[in-house]
Each structure stands twice: as structure tokens, then as C-alpha cells.
Amino acid sequence: MRVFDADPLLRRLEVRAVAFVAGAAVIALAARRGGADVALGILGGGVLIGSSYWAIRASADGLVALLAGGRQPAGAGSAQAPISGRRSGPRAAGVVLRLVGRYALLAAMAYVMIARLRLHPIGLLVGVSSIFASASVEVVRMLAGSGRRAPR
């Protein structure tokens, strides 16, 4: 289990984003009467934003583990022995290298989707916007819930 696995808000964002990508791809396929170019772009954009989300999440997990003294975060399974201070430099460098590597991979994926696969740019934009759409739904949900009275 990772740090954020227990957070129901992030889980709702993930599920809504995946549902948005799938629904938008189906709508695009129906609107284009079987023309799959926009739908494939939407799916490609979903893969890009999913990869970006994974990179951010994995990097945050690594930084939390590093700042926690080398122990796994709470609820992460078996506890590890703390890492001594003299080994924190190489561990920090590893976290930074993984972060840079993840974003280099993300940039390469975007290049391949745009330049080589020639996925539809509007479809890519719609797919990448899925996390924004998911977060917007959550904000509206929170704002609508804040006006309600608490039960007595």
C-alpha cells in the first residue's frame, strides 16, 4: 500500500478520470460515426495524464519515505529499519533520478503520440483534461455539500 491508497478523495478522482476518458472516447466514436481518430486521441491523452499522475504519486511516495527516515509510510505493510544519516544522500539522489526519469519517459510518450502516431490533437487535449474534469466535479460536490446543515 502506498501513502495515498487510503485517501478516498484521490480514489474518487482516479475513478472519475478513467470514467471520463472512457465516456468521452465512446461519445467521440459515436459522434464521428465510427471514425476512431478522435477517440484514439482521447485514449492517448488519458494514458498521458495517467502516466503523469503515476509519476507525481510515486515521487511523492518516495519523498515521504525519504523524509520519514527511510521507514515505509504508515499502512505500507512491513516496517523497515530506519536508514542512517550517512546513506540519505544516495537515497535522495535515487529519488531525484527516478523523478527525472519518469518525466523524461512522459515527454517521450507525448512526442510519440503527437509526432509519430499522429493522434488527434483535440482528442489528446480532451483526454489530458480528464483529471481537471474529475477535480472540477469534486469541487462542485464539496461546495454543494458545504451549504447543507449538519444533522442534529
N, C-alpha and C. Protein backbone atom coordinates (compact mmCIF):
# COMPACT_ATOMS: atom_id res chain seq x y z
N MET A 1 0.84 -1.17 0.00
CA MET A 1 0.00 0.00 0.00
C MET A 1 0.89 1.24 0.00
N ARG A 2 0.51 2.21 -0.76
CA ARG A 2 1.26 3.46 -0.81
C ARG A 2 0.60 4.48 0.11
N VAL A 3 1.24 5.62 0.25
CA VAL A 3 0.76 6.68 1.14
C VAL A 3 -0.67 7.08 0.80
N PHE A 4 -0.96 7.26 -0.47
CA PHE A 4 -2.23 7.83 -0.87
C PHE A 4 -3.33 6.81 -1.08
N ASP A 5 -3.02 5.51 -0.97
CA ASP A 5 -4.03 4.50 -1.23
C ASP A 5 -5.22 4.60 -0.28
N ALA A 6 -4.99 5.09 0.91
CA ALA A 6 -6.06 5.16 1.89
C ALA A 6 -6.93 6.41 1.72
N ASP A 7 -6.55 7.33 0.86
CA ASP A 7 -7.29 8.58 0.70
C ASP A 7 -8.46 8.39 -0.26
N PRO A 8 -9.69 8.49 0.25
CA PRO A 8 -10.86 8.28 -0.61
C PRO A 8 -11.02 9.39 -1.66
N LEU A 9 -10.56 10.60 -1.38
CA LEU A 9 -10.65 11.68 -2.35
C LEU A 9 -9.84 11.36 -3.60
N LEU A 10 -8.60 10.91 -3.42
CA LEU A 10 -7.78 10.57 -4.57
C LEU A 10 -8.35 9.38 -5.33
N ARG A 11 -8.89 8.44 -4.61
CA ARG A 11 -9.51 7.28 -5.27
C ARG A 11 -10.70 7.73 -6.14
N ARG A 12 -11.53 8.64 -5.62
CA ARG A 12 -12.66 9.15 -6.40
C ARG A 12 -12.16 9.91 -7.63
N LEU A 13 -11.10 10.71 -7.48
CA LEU A 13 -10.54 11.43 -8.62
C LEU A 13 -10.05 10.46 -9.70
N GLU A 14 -9.37 9.40 -9.29
CA GLU A 14 -8.86 8.41 -10.23
C GLU A 14 -10.00 7.74 -10.99
N VAL A 15 -11.02 7.30 -10.25
CA VAL A 15 -12.13 6.58 -10.88
C VAL A 15 -12.89 7.50 -11.83
N ARG A 16 -13.14 8.74 -11.41
CA ARG A 16 -13.86 9.68 -12.28
C ARG A 16 -13.05 10.01 -13.53
N ALA A 17 -11.75 10.15 -13.40
CA ALA A 17 -10.92 10.47 -14.56
C ALA A 17 -10.95 9.33 -15.58
N VAL A 18 -10.86 8.10 -15.10
CA VAL A 18 -10.93 6.95 -16.00
C VAL A 18 -12.31 6.87 -16.66
N ALA A 19 -13.36 7.11 -15.89
CA ALA A 19 -14.72 7.09 -16.44
C ALA A 19 -14.89 8.21 -17.47
N PHE A 20 -14.31 9.39 -17.20
CA PHE A 20 -14.39 10.50 -18.15
C PHE A 20 -13.72 10.14 -19.47
N VAL A 21 -12.54 9.56 -19.40
CA VAL A 21 -11.81 9.19 -20.62
C VAL A 21 -12.60 8.15 -21.41
N ALA A 22 -13.10 7.14 -20.73
CA ALA A 22 -13.85 6.09 -21.41
C ALA A 22 -15.13 6.66 -22.03
N GLY A 23 -15.86 7.46 -21.26
CA GLY A 23 -17.09 8.05 -21.77
C GLY A 23 -16.85 9.00 -22.93
N ALA A 24 -15.83 9.83 -22.83
CA ALA A 24 -15.52 10.77 -23.91
C ALA A 24 -15.10 10.03 -25.18
N ALA A 25 -14.36 8.93 -25.03
CA ALA A 25 -13.96 8.15 -26.20
C ALA A 25 -15.17 7.52 -26.88
N VAL A 26 -16.10 7.00 -26.09
CA VAL A 26 -17.31 6.40 -26.65
C VAL A 26 -18.15 7.47 -27.36
N ILE A 27 -18.30 8.63 -26.73
CA ILE A 27 -19.07 9.74 -27.34
C ILE A 27 -18.40 10.19 -28.64
N ALA A 28 -17.08 10.32 -28.63
CA ALA A 28 -16.36 10.74 -29.84
C ALA A 28 -16.52 9.71 -30.95
N LEU A 29 -16.47 8.45 -30.60
CA LEU A 29 -16.64 7.38 -31.59
C LEU A 29 -18.04 7.43 -32.19
N ALA A 30 -19.04 7.66 -31.35
CA ALA A 30 -20.42 7.75 -31.85
C ALA A 30 -20.63 9.02 -32.67
N ALA A 31 -20.07 10.13 -32.23
CA ALA A 31 -20.25 11.40 -32.94
C ALA A 31 -19.58 11.39 -34.30
N ARG A 32 -18.48 10.69 -34.41
CA ARG A 32 -17.75 10.63 -35.69
C ARG A 32 -18.20 9.44 -36.54
N ARG A 33 -19.28 8.79 -36.12
CA ARG A 33 -19.87 7.65 -36.85
C ARG A 33 -18.82 6.59 -37.18
N GLY A 34 -18.11 6.16 -36.15
CA GLY A 34 -17.12 5.10 -36.31
C GLY A 34 -15.72 5.58 -36.61
N GLY A 35 -15.53 6.86 -36.86
CA GLY A 35 -14.19 7.39 -37.07
C GLY A 35 -13.44 7.40 -35.75
N ALA A 36 -12.40 6.61 -35.67
CA ALA A 36 -11.73 6.39 -34.39
C ALA A 36 -10.60 7.37 -34.09
N ASP A 37 -10.33 8.34 -34.97
CA ASP A 37 -9.17 9.21 -34.78
C ASP A 37 -9.27 10.03 -33.49
N VAL A 38 -10.40 10.66 -33.24
CA VAL A 38 -10.54 11.48 -32.02
C VAL A 38 -10.60 10.58 -30.79
N ALA A 39 -11.31 9.46 -30.90
CA ALA A 39 -11.42 8.54 -29.76
C ALA A 39 -10.05 8.00 -29.37
N LEU A 40 -9.22 7.67 -30.35
CA LEU A 40 -7.86 7.20 -30.04
C LEU A 40 -7.04 8.31 -29.41
N GLY A 41 -7.24 9.55 -29.87
CA GLY A 41 -6.55 10.68 -29.25
C GLY A 41 -6.96 10.85 -27.79
N ILE A 42 -8.24 10.69 -27.51
CA ILE A 42 -8.72 10.80 -26.13
C ILE A 42 -8.10 9.72 -25.27
N LEU A 43 -8.06 8.50 -25.77
CA LEU A 43 -7.44 7.41 -25.01
C LEU A 43 -5.94 7.67 -24.81
N GLY A 44 -5.28 8.18 -25.84
CA GLY A 44 -3.86 8.53 -25.71
C GLY A 44 -3.64 9.62 -24.67
N GLY A 45 -4.50 10.63 -24.68
CA GLY A 45 -4.41 11.69 -23.66
C GLY A 45 -4.65 11.14 -22.27
N GLY A 46 -5.56 10.17 -22.15
CA GLY A 46 -5.79 9.52 -20.86
C GLY A 46 -4.56 8.77 -20.37
N VAL A 47 -3.89 8.12 -21.31
CA VAL A 47 -2.64 7.42 -20.95
C VAL A 47 -1.58 8.42 -20.49
N LEU A 48 -1.49 9.55 -21.18
CA LEU A 48 -0.52 10.57 -20.79
C LEU A 48 -0.80 11.12 -19.39
N ILE A 49 -2.04 11.49 -19.12
CA ILE A 49 -2.34 12.07 -17.81
C ILE A 49 -2.24 11.00 -16.72
N GLY A 50 -2.59 9.76 -17.06
CA GLY A 50 -2.42 8.67 -16.09
C GLY A 50 -0.95 8.45 -15.75
N SER A 51 -0.10 8.53 -16.76
CA SER A 51 1.35 8.38 -16.52
C SER A 51 1.88 9.54 -15.69
N SER A 52 1.40 10.74 -15.98
CA SER A 52 1.83 11.91 -15.21
C SER A 52 1.38 11.78 -13.75
N TYR A 53 0.15 11.37 -13.56
CA TYR A 53 -0.38 11.17 -12.21
C TYR A 53 0.45 10.12 -11.46
N TRP A 54 0.77 9.03 -12.14
CA TRP A 54 1.57 7.97 -11.53
C TRP A 54 2.96 8.51 -11.15
N ALA A 55 3.56 9.33 -12.04
CA ALA A 55 4.89 9.88 -11.75
C ALA A 55 4.86 10.79 -10.53
N ILE A 56 3.86 11.65 -10.46
CA ILE A 56 3.74 12.55 -9.31
C ILE A 56 3.51 11.76 -8.04
N ARG A 57 2.62 10.79 -8.12
CA ARG A 57 2.27 9.99 -6.94
C ARG A 57 3.46 9.16 -6.45
N ALA A 58 4.15 8.52 -7.38
CA ALA A 58 5.30 7.71 -6.99
C ALA A 58 6.42 8.57 -6.41
N SER A 59 6.62 9.74 -6.99
CA SER A 59 7.66 10.65 -6.47
C SER A 59 7.29 11.15 -5.09
N ALA A 60 6.03 11.48 -4.88
CA ALA A 60 5.59 11.92 -3.56
C ALA A 60 5.76 10.80 -2.54
N ASP A 61 5.43 9.58 -2.92
CA ASP A 61 5.64 8.44 -2.02
C ASP A 61 7.11 8.28 -1.65
N GLY A 62 7.99 8.43 -2.66
CA GLY A 62 9.43 8.32 -2.41
C GLY A 62 9.93 9.42 -1.50
N LEU A 63 9.47 10.64 -1.70
CA LEU A 63 9.89 11.74 -0.85
C LEU A 63 9.37 11.59 0.57
N VAL A 64 8.14 11.13 0.72
CA VAL A 64 7.59 10.90 2.06
C VAL A 64 8.39 9.82 2.78
N ALA A 65 8.72 8.75 2.06
CA ALA A 65 9.53 7.68 2.67
C ALA A 65 10.91 8.20 3.05
N LEU A 66 11.49 9.04 2.21
CA LEU A 66 12.81 9.59 2.49
C LEU A 66 12.76 10.50 3.71
N LEU A 67 11.76 11.37 3.76
CA LEU A 67 11.64 12.30 4.88
C LEU A 67 11.22 11.62 6.17
N ALA A 68 10.62 10.45 6.05
CA ALA A 68 10.21 9.70 7.24
C ALA A 68 11.38 8.90 7.82
N GLY A 69 12.57 9.17 7.35
CA GLY A 69 13.75 8.49 7.90
C GLY A 69 13.98 7.12 7.30
N GLY A 70 13.45 6.90 6.11
CA GLY A 70 13.68 5.62 5.45
C GLY A 70 12.66 4.58 5.81
N ARG A 71 11.74 4.88 6.68
CA ARG A 71 10.68 3.93 7.00
C ARG A 71 9.59 4.04 5.95
N GLN A 72 8.89 2.94 5.75
CA GLN A 72 7.74 3.00 4.86
C GLN A 72 6.65 3.80 5.54
N PRO A 73 5.82 4.49 4.77
CA PRO A 73 4.73 5.25 5.35
C PRO A 73 3.76 4.34 6.11
N ALA A 74 2.97 4.94 7.00
CA ALA A 74 2.02 4.18 7.80
C ALA A 74 1.09 3.40 6.89
N GLY A 75 0.85 2.16 7.24
CA GLY A 75 -0.05 1.32 6.46
C GLY A 75 0.60 0.75 5.22
N ALA A 76 1.88 0.87 5.07
CA ALA A 76 2.54 0.41 3.86
C ALA A 76 3.05 -1.02 3.97
N GLY A 77 2.56 -1.77 4.92
CA GLY A 77 3.00 -3.14 5.05
C GLY A 77 4.05 -3.26 6.12
N SER A 78 5.09 -4.03 5.83
CA SER A 78 6.13 -4.26 6.82
C SER A 78 6.99 -3.03 7.00
N ALA A 79 7.31 -2.72 8.24
CA ALA A 79 8.16 -1.57 8.54
C ALA A 79 9.61 -1.93 8.29
N GLN A 80 10.36 -1.01 7.74
CA GLN A 80 11.77 -1.23 7.50
C GLN A 80 12.56 -0.53 8.59
N ALA A 81 13.79 -0.95 8.76
CA ALA A 81 14.67 -0.28 9.70
C ALA A 81 15.01 1.10 9.14
N PRO A 82 15.16 2.09 10.01
CA PRO A 82 15.49 3.42 9.51
C PRO A 82 16.84 3.43 8.83
N ILE A 83 16.97 4.29 7.86
CA ILE A 83 18.23 4.42 7.13
C ILE A 83 19.10 5.41 7.90
N SER A 84 20.35 5.10 8.04
CA SER A 84 21.23 6.01 8.78
C SER A 84 21.43 7.28 7.97
N GLY A 85 21.82 8.36 8.65
CA GLY A 85 22.01 9.65 8.02
C GLY A 85 23.05 9.64 6.92
N ARG A 86 24.05 8.77 7.03
CA ARG A 86 25.11 8.78 6.02
C ARG A 86 24.66 8.18 4.70
N ARG A 87 23.56 7.45 4.69
CA ARG A 87 23.09 6.86 3.45
C ARG A 87 21.95 7.66 2.83
N SER A 88 21.53 8.76 3.46
CA SER A 88 20.40 9.50 2.92
C SER A 88 20.75 10.22 1.63
N GLY A 89 22.01 10.59 1.42
CA GLY A 89 22.41 11.26 0.18
C GLY A 89 22.17 10.39 -1.04
N PRO A 90 22.70 9.15 -1.07
CA PRO A 90 22.45 8.29 -2.22
C PRO A 90 20.95 7.99 -2.40
N ARG A 91 20.23 7.85 -1.30
CA ARG A 91 18.80 7.57 -1.40
C ARG A 91 18.06 8.77 -1.99
N ALA A 92 18.43 9.98 -1.56
CA ALA A 92 17.81 11.19 -2.10
C ALA A 92 18.14 11.33 -3.58
N ALA A 93 19.37 11.03 -3.95
CA ALA A 93 19.75 11.10 -5.36
C ALA A 93 18.94 10.10 -6.18
N GLY A 94 18.67 8.94 -5.63
CA GLY A 94 17.85 7.94 -6.32
C GLY A 94 16.43 8.42 -6.54
N VAL A 95 15.87 9.08 -5.54
CA VAL A 95 14.51 9.62 -5.67
C VAL A 95 14.48 10.68 -6.76
N VAL A 96 15.48 11.56 -6.78
CA VAL A 96 15.53 12.63 -7.79
C VAL A 96 15.73 12.03 -9.18
N LEU A 97 16.61 11.03 -9.31
CA LEU A 97 16.84 10.40 -10.62
C LEU A 97 15.58 9.71 -11.12
N ARG A 98 14.85 9.05 -10.24
CA ARG A 98 13.59 8.41 -10.65
C ARG A 98 12.58 9.45 -11.11
N LEU A 99 12.52 10.58 -10.40
CA LEU A 99 11.61 11.66 -10.78
C LEU A 99 11.95 12.18 -12.18
N VAL A 100 13.22 12.46 -12.42
CA VAL A 100 13.65 12.95 -13.73
C VAL A 100 13.38 11.89 -14.81
N GLY A 101 13.66 10.66 -14.50
CA GLY A 101 13.42 9.57 -15.46
C GLY A 101 11.95 9.42 -15.81
N ARG A 102 11.08 9.57 -14.83
CA ARG A 102 9.65 9.45 -15.09
C ARG A 102 9.17 10.56 -16.02
N TYR A 103 9.65 11.77 -15.80
CA TYR A 103 9.23 12.87 -16.67
C TYR A 103 9.87 12.79 -18.04
N ALA A 104 11.06 12.25 -18.15
CA ALA A 104 11.66 12.02 -19.46
C ALA A 104 10.84 10.99 -20.24
N LEU A 105 10.41 9.95 -19.56
CA LEU A 105 9.55 8.95 -20.19
C LEU A 105 8.23 9.57 -20.63
N LEU A 106 7.66 10.42 -19.80
CA LEU A 106 6.41 11.10 -20.13
C LEU A 106 6.59 11.99 -21.37
N ALA A 107 7.69 12.72 -21.44
CA ALA A 107 7.96 13.57 -22.61
C ALA A 107 8.12 12.72 -23.87
N ALA A 108 8.79 11.59 -23.75
CA ALA A 108 8.96 10.70 -24.90
C ALA A 108 7.62 10.14 -25.36
N MET A 109 6.76 9.78 -24.40
CA MET A 109 5.43 9.27 -24.75
C MET A 109 4.62 10.34 -25.49
N ALA A 110 4.66 11.57 -25.00
CA ALA A 110 3.93 12.66 -25.65
C ALA A 110 4.45 12.88 -27.07
N TYR A 111 5.75 12.85 -27.24
CA TYR A 111 6.35 13.02 -28.57
C TYR A 111 5.87 11.93 -29.52
N VAL A 112 5.91 10.70 -29.06
CA VAL A 112 5.49 9.58 -29.92
C VAL A 112 4.02 9.71 -30.29
N MET A 113 3.19 10.09 -29.34
CA MET A 113 1.76 10.20 -29.63
C MET A 113 1.46 11.34 -30.60
N ILE A 114 2.17 12.44 -30.47
CA ILE A 114 1.90 13.60 -31.32
C ILE A 114 2.59 13.47 -32.68
N ALA A 115 3.88 13.19 -32.69
CA ALA A 115 4.66 13.23 -33.92
C ALA A 115 4.65 11.92 -34.70
N ARG A 116 4.69 10.81 -34.01
CA ARG A 116 4.79 9.52 -34.71
C ARG A 116 3.44 8.85 -34.94
N LEU A 117 2.63 8.77 -33.91
CA LEU A 117 1.31 8.13 -34.06
C LEU A 117 0.29 9.07 -34.67
N ARG A 118 0.58 10.37 -34.62
CA ARG A 118 -0.29 11.41 -35.16
C ARG A 118 -1.72 11.29 -34.62
N LEU A 119 -1.81 11.15 -33.29
CA LEU A 119 -3.12 11.12 -32.65
C LEU A 119 -3.75 12.50 -32.76
N HIS A 120 -5.05 12.51 -32.80
CA HIS A 120 -5.80 13.76 -32.99
C HIS A 120 -5.50 14.71 -31.83
N PRO A 121 -5.05 15.95 -32.10
CA PRO A 121 -4.65 16.86 -31.03
C PRO A 121 -5.81 17.26 -30.10
N ILE A 122 -7.00 17.43 -30.65
CA ILE A 122 -8.15 17.77 -29.79
C ILE A 122 -8.49 16.59 -28.90
N GLY A 123 -8.39 15.39 -29.44
CA GLY A 123 -8.63 14.20 -28.64
C GLY A 123 -7.62 14.09 -27.50
N LEU A 124 -6.35 14.36 -27.81
CA LEU A 124 -5.32 14.34 -26.76
C LEU A 124 -5.64 15.36 -25.68
N LEU A 125 -6.05 16.54 -26.08
CA LEU A 125 -6.38 17.59 -25.12
C LEU A 125 -7.56 17.18 -24.23
N VAL A 126 -8.58 16.57 -24.83
CA VAL A 126 -9.73 16.11 -24.05
C VAL A 126 -9.29 15.03 -23.06
N GLY A 127 -8.48 14.09 -23.51
CA GLY A 127 -8.02 13.01 -22.64
C GLY A 127 -7.17 13.52 -21.49
N VAL A 128 -6.28 14.46 -21.78
CA VAL A 128 -5.42 15.02 -20.74
C VAL A 128 -6.23 15.85 -19.75
N SER A 129 -7.35 16.39 -20.20
CA SER A 129 -8.20 17.21 -19.33
C SER A 129 -9.05 16.38 -18.37
N SER A 130 -8.95 15.08 -18.46
CA SER A 130 -9.81 14.22 -17.63
C SER A 130 -9.60 14.43 -16.14
N ILE A 131 -8.38 14.65 -15.71
CA ILE A 131 -8.14 14.85 -14.29
C ILE A 131 -8.70 16.20 -13.84
N PHE A 132 -8.64 17.20 -14.73
CA PHE A 132 -9.25 18.50 -14.43
C PHE A 132 -10.76 18.37 -14.32
N ALA A 133 -11.37 17.63 -15.22
CA ALA A 133 -12.81 17.42 -15.17
C ALA A 133 -13.19 16.68 -13.89
N SER A 134 -12.42 15.69 -13.52
CA SER A 134 -12.67 14.93 -12.30
C SER A 134 -12.55 15.81 -11.07
N ALA A 135 -11.52 16.64 -11.04
CA ALA A 135 -11.34 17.55 -9.90
C ALA A 135 -12.45 18.59 -9.85
N SER A 136 -12.91 19.05 -11.02
CA SER A 136 -13.99 20.03 -11.05
C SER A 136 -15.28 19.45 -10.47
N VAL A 137 -15.56 18.20 -10.80
CA VAL A 137 -16.74 17.54 -10.24
C VAL A 137 -16.61 17.44 -8.72
N GLU A 138 -15.43 17.15 -8.24
CA GLU A 138 -15.21 17.03 -6.80
C GLU A 138 -15.38 18.38 -6.11
N VAL A 139 -14.90 19.46 -6.72
CA VAL A 139 -15.06 20.80 -6.14
C VAL A 139 -16.53 21.16 -6.06
N VAL A 140 -17.27 20.92 -7.13
CA VAL A 140 -18.71 21.22 -7.13
C VAL A 140 -19.40 20.39 -6.06
N ARG A 141 -19.01 19.15 -5.94
CA ARG A 141 -19.59 18.27 -4.92
C ARG A 141 -19.30 18.80 -3.52
N MET A 142 -18.09 19.25 -3.28
CA MET A 142 -17.73 19.79 -1.96
C MET A 142 -18.47 21.09 -1.66
N LEU A 143 -18.55 21.97 -2.67
CA LEU A 143 -19.25 23.24 -2.47
C LEU A 143 -20.74 23.03 -2.24
N ALA A 144 -21.32 22.11 -2.95
CA ALA A 144 -22.74 21.82 -2.76
C ALA A 144 -22.99 21.22 -1.38
N GLY A 145 -22.04 20.44 -0.89
CA GLY A 145 -22.18 19.83 0.41
C GLY A 145 -21.93 20.80 1.57
N SER A 146 -21.18 21.88 1.30
CA SER A 146 -20.85 22.81 2.38
C SER A 146 -22.04 23.69 2.77
N GLY A 147 -23.03 23.81 1.89
CA GLY A 147 -24.18 24.64 2.20
C GLY A 147 -25.24 23.91 3.01
N ARG A 148 -25.07 22.62 3.17
CA ARG A 148 -26.06 21.84 3.91
C ARG A 148 -25.84 21.98 5.40
N ARG A 149 -26.92 21.85 6.13
CA ARG A 149 -26.80 21.87 7.59
C ARG A 149 -26.39 20.50 8.10
N ALA A 150 -25.61 20.52 9.13
CA ALA A 150 -25.20 19.27 9.76
C ALA A 150 -26.38 18.68 10.52
N PRO A 151 -26.57 17.37 10.48
CA PRO A 151 -27.68 16.76 11.21
C PRO A 151 -27.48 16.93 12.72
N ARG A 152 -28.60 17.15 13.42
CA ARG A 152 -28.51 17.36 14.87
C ARG A 152 -28.83 16.12 15.63
